[in-house]
Amino acid sequence: MSVWLNAVGDCLMERVGVLNVQGAVREHADHLRRVGSEVVLVKHPEDLQVIDGLIIPGGESTTIGKLIRKYELYDGIRERIEDGMPVFGTCAGLILLAKKIEGSDEAHLAVMDTVVDRNSFGRQRESFEANLPISEIDGEAFPCVFIRAPHIVSAGSDVSVLATYGEKIVAARQGNRLATAFHPELSDDLRMHAYFLDMVRGSSQPD
């Protein structure tokens, strides 16, 4: 049975799914509700058919990769993304989206033209926060929480770099695909989730 977290009100709202197999699911769901989205916790193939966008939370990328196959979500996620559904991968989610992972012969969903380095910022005890400007996000620098974070080593010509930390790419967008190395759900700043919801709304508009 699908788990639905309904937003306040009876008006028609976009339904954004949060992949519910590992990671900060509750925090992402809370942020989405606060920016005006209806939330679906995605754990079964049929859940993918009722959402307008999907967030892949942080966690352990290898474990998430195994679980989306165990729950028969892998093919459905790839198909929906390839068909234009917006997706937002945070931390491990960034790794799941990448076409190539350094040091590994296999990728996971492989839907974003990026090469990533896992755990490039060190171990859990070396987690940190940094305020970074993010292109396409107005206002002051965004409070970025990095926990065993990856980074994007290189990106294709149609991938837009949204943020860097030093020389490392930590946020990027390619069409309907958005990825951050940090955890926006662990700050009180809602702008990244609002930005993704705008992507979802834009994709659902008639041509």
Protein backbone atom coordinates (compact mmCIF):
# COMPACT_ATOMS: atom_id res chain seq x y z
CA MET A 1 0.00 0.00 0.00
CA SER A 2 1.28 3.46 -0.88
CA VAL A 3 2.00 5.87 1.95
CA TRP A 4 0.61 9.32 1.20
CA LEU A 5 1.32 12.51 3.15
CA ASN A 6 -1.34 14.99 2.08
CA ALA A 7 -0.67 18.70 2.00
CA VAL A 8 -3.19 21.10 3.51
CA GLY A 9 -6.17 22.07 1.38
CA ASP A 10 -8.30 20.54 -1.31
CA CYS A 11 -6.74 22.25 -4.34
CA LEU A 12 -4.95 20.22 -6.97
CA MET A 13 -1.22 20.12 -6.23
CA GLU A 14 1.78 18.44 -7.75
CA ARG A 15 2.60 15.08 -6.23
CA VAL A 16 6.31 14.68 -5.57
CA GLY A 17 7.59 11.28 -4.56
CA VAL A 18 10.38 10.62 -2.07
CA LEU A 19 12.13 7.30 -2.59
CA ASN A 20 11.36 5.46 0.64
CA VAL A 21 14.04 2.79 0.93
CA GLN A 22 16.80 4.56 2.90
CA GLY A 23 17.93 8.01 4.01
CA ALA A 24 16.35 11.26 5.17
CA VAL A 25 12.89 10.51 3.79
CA ARG A 26 10.95 12.32 6.51
CA GLU A 27 13.03 15.49 6.22
CA HIS A 28 12.56 15.69 2.44
CA ALA A 29 8.83 15.06 2.81
CA ASP A 30 8.55 17.83 5.41
CA HIS A 31 10.36 20.34 3.18
CA LEU A 32 8.18 19.43 0.21
CA ARG A 33 4.98 19.92 2.19
CA ARG A 34 6.24 23.28 3.41
CA VAL A 35 6.77 24.52 -0.15
CA GLY A 36 3.31 23.40 -1.25
CA SER A 37 3.64 19.90 -2.65
CA GLU A 38 1.65 16.77 -2.00
CA VAL A 39 4.03 13.96 -1.03
CA VAL A 40 4.04 10.28 -1.95
CA LEU A 41 6.49 7.92 -0.24
CA VAL A 42 7.67 5.67 -3.05
CA LYS A 43 8.37 2.03 -2.23
CA HIS A 44 6.32 0.09 -4.79
CA PRO A 45 6.23 0.23 -8.61
CA GLU A 46 2.65 1.51 -8.65
CA ASP A 47 3.70 4.56 -6.59
CA LEU A 48 5.71 5.79 -9.58
CA GLN A 49 2.57 6.11 -11.67
CA VAL A 50 0.95 8.75 -9.47
CA ILE A 51 3.84 11.21 -9.03
CA ASP A 52 4.96 14.23 -11.01
CA GLY A 53 8.55 14.28 -9.71
CA LEU A 54 10.88 12.21 -7.53
CA ILE A 55 13.51 12.91 -4.88
CA ILE A 56 16.23 10.30 -4.27
CA PRO A 57 17.57 10.99 -0.75
CA GLY A 58 21.03 10.48 0.64
CA GLY A 59 22.07 7.24 2.29
CA GLU A 60 24.43 4.55 0.99
CA SER A 61 24.39 4.46 -2.79
CA THR A 62 25.23 0.76 -3.19
CA THR A 63 22.48 -0.19 -0.72
CA ILE A 64 19.93 2.06 -2.41
CA GLY A 65 20.90 0.59 -5.78
CA LYS A 66 20.23 -2.91 -4.48
CA LEU A 67 16.96 -1.93 -2.80
CA ILE A 68 15.43 -0.29 -5.87
CA ARG A 69 16.02 -3.56 -7.67
CA LYS A 70 14.66 -5.61 -4.77
CA TYR A 71 11.46 -3.55 -4.74
CA GLU A 72 11.27 -3.65 -8.56
CA LEU A 73 11.59 0.13 -8.84
CA TYR A 74 14.71 0.34 -11.01
CA ASP A 75 13.14 0.07 -14.46
CA GLY A 76 10.17 2.25 -13.55
CA ILE A 77 12.35 5.06 -12.19
CA ARG A 78 14.55 5.07 -15.28
CA GLU A 79 11.57 5.02 -17.63
CA ARG A 80 9.80 7.90 -15.86
CA ILE A 81 13.00 10.01 -15.88
CA GLU A 82 13.66 9.27 -19.54
CA ASP A 83 10.04 10.24 -20.28
CA GLY A 84 10.66 13.65 -18.70
CA MET A 85 9.71 13.31 -15.04
CA PRO A 86 11.90 15.65 -12.94
CA VAL A 87 14.21 13.93 -10.45
CA PHE A 88 16.32 15.40 -7.65
CA GLY A 89 19.18 13.32 -6.23
CA THR A 90 20.86 14.45 -3.01
CA CYS A 91 24.24 13.04 -1.86
CA ALA A 92 23.84 9.30 -2.58
CA GLY A 93 21.06 10.30 -4.97
CA LEU A 94 23.64 12.24 -6.99
CA ILE A 95 25.66 9.01 -7.29
CA LEU A 96 22.57 7.02 -8.31
CA LEU A 97 21.89 9.42 -11.19
CA ALA A 98 25.45 9.55 -12.58
CA LYS A 99 26.45 7.75 -15.75
CA LYS A 100 29.87 6.88 -14.34
CA ILE A 101 31.27 6.35 -10.83
CA GLU A 102 35.02 6.60 -10.42
CA GLY A 103 36.53 3.31 -9.25
CA SER A 104 33.47 1.29 -10.29
CA ASP A 105 32.73 -0.59 -13.50
CA GLU A 106 28.98 -0.19 -13.04
CA ALA A 107 26.69 2.79 -12.57
CA HIS A 108 23.19 2.70 -11.09
CA LEU A 109 20.40 4.60 -12.87
CA ALA A 110 22.92 6.24 -15.22
CA VAL A 111 20.56 9.00 -16.40
CA MET A 112 22.73 12.11 -15.86
CA ASP A 113 25.81 12.89 -17.94
CA THR A 114 28.18 13.16 -15.00
CA VAL A 115 31.19 11.36 -13.55
CA VAL A 116 31.20 11.27 -9.76
CA ASP A 117 33.67 10.51 -6.98
CA ARG A 118 32.14 8.88 -3.91
CA ASN A 119 33.07 10.05 -0.40
CA SER A 120 35.38 12.67 -1.86
CA PHE A 121 35.07 14.87 1.25
CA GLY A 122 36.11 12.20 3.73
CA ARG A 123 34.39 10.08 6.34
CA GLN A 124 31.40 10.79 8.59
CA ARG A 125 33.49 12.54 11.23
CA GLU A 126 34.72 14.98 8.57
CA SER A 127 31.21 16.21 7.78
CA PHE A 128 30.88 19.98 7.56
CA GLU A 129 28.65 22.89 6.55
CA ALA A 130 29.38 25.68 4.08
CA ASN A 131 27.35 28.61 2.80
CA LEU A 132 27.55 28.55 -0.99
CA PRO A 133 26.01 30.67 -3.74
CA ILE A 134 23.84 28.60 -6.07
CA SER A 135 23.13 29.88 -9.54
CA GLU A 136 19.41 29.98 -10.37
CA ILE A 137 18.67 30.36 -6.62
CA ASP A 138 18.11 33.98 -5.63
CA GLY A 139 19.15 35.50 -2.35
CA GLU A 140 21.95 34.83 0.10
CA ALA A 141 24.29 31.85 0.00
CA PHE A 142 22.67 28.48 0.68
CA PRO A 143 23.57 26.57 3.90
CA CYS A 144 24.98 23.31 2.53
CA VAL A 145 25.38 20.28 4.80
CA PHE A 146 28.00 17.78 3.58
CA ILE A 147 28.02 14.27 5.08
CA ARG A 148 30.41 11.75 3.51
CA ALA A 149 29.66 13.72 0.38
CA PRO A 150 30.50 12.86 -3.21
CA HIS A 151 31.25 15.44 -5.88
CA ILE A 152 30.93 15.68 -9.64
CA VAL A 153 34.33 15.22 -11.27
CA SER A 154 33.18 16.11 -14.79
CA ALA A 155 29.96 16.84 -16.60
CA GLY A 156 28.67 16.81 -20.17
CA SER A 157 28.27 19.95 -22.23
CA ASP A 158 24.54 20.18 -21.56
CA VAL A 159 24.94 19.93 -17.77
CA SER A 160 24.71 23.26 -15.95
CA VAL A 161 26.95 23.67 -12.91
CA LEU A 162 24.93 25.32 -10.14
CA ALA A 163 27.45 25.35 -7.28
CA THR A 164 31.05 24.52 -6.48
CA TYR A 165 33.05 24.10 -3.29
CA GLY A 166 36.62 25.02 -4.14
CA GLU A 167 37.08 23.40 -7.54
CA LYS A 168 34.60 20.59 -6.87
CA ILE A 169 31.17 20.61 -8.48
CA VAL A 170 28.54 20.05 -5.78
CA ALA A 171 25.29 20.95 -7.56
CA ALA A 172 24.24 20.56 -11.18
CA ARG A 173 21.24 20.32 -13.46
CA GLN A 174 20.70 18.59 -16.78
CA GLY A 175 17.22 19.26 -18.09
CA ASN A 176 14.79 17.48 -15.77
CA ARG A 177 17.62 16.08 -13.62
CA LEU A 178 18.90 17.95 -10.55
CA ALA A 179 21.65 16.75 -8.21
CA THR A 180 23.41 18.07 -5.11
CA ALA A 181 26.30 16.61 -3.14
CA PHE A 182 24.92 18.23 0.00
CA HIS A 183 21.74 17.64 2.03
CA PRO A 184 19.32 20.57 1.57
CA GLU A 185 16.74 18.73 3.68
CA LEU A 186 18.98 19.06 6.75
CA SER A 187 18.86 22.87 6.77
CA ASP A 188 15.88 25.12 7.43
CA ASP A 189 16.29 26.73 4.01
CA LEU A 190 13.50 25.64 1.66
CA ARG A 191 14.83 27.20 -1.54
CA MET A 192 16.28 24.04 -3.12
CA HIS A 193 13.00 22.19 -2.63
CA ALA A 194 11.05 25.17 -3.96
CA TYR A 195 13.36 25.24 -6.98
CA PHE A 196 12.73 21.55 -7.63
CA LEU A 197 8.98 22.02 -7.23
CA ASP A 198 9.18 24.76 -9.87
CA MET A 199 10.87 22.21 -12.15
CA VAL A 200 8.01 19.80 -11.51
CA ARG A 201 5.40 22.47 -12.20
CA GLY A 202 7.17 23.47 -15.39
CA SER A 203 7.27 19.91 -16.65
CA SER A 204 3.56 19.45 -16.06
CA GLN A 205 2.54 22.49 -18.09
CA PRO A 206 0.95 21.77 -21.46
CA ASP A 207 3.07 22.49 -24.54
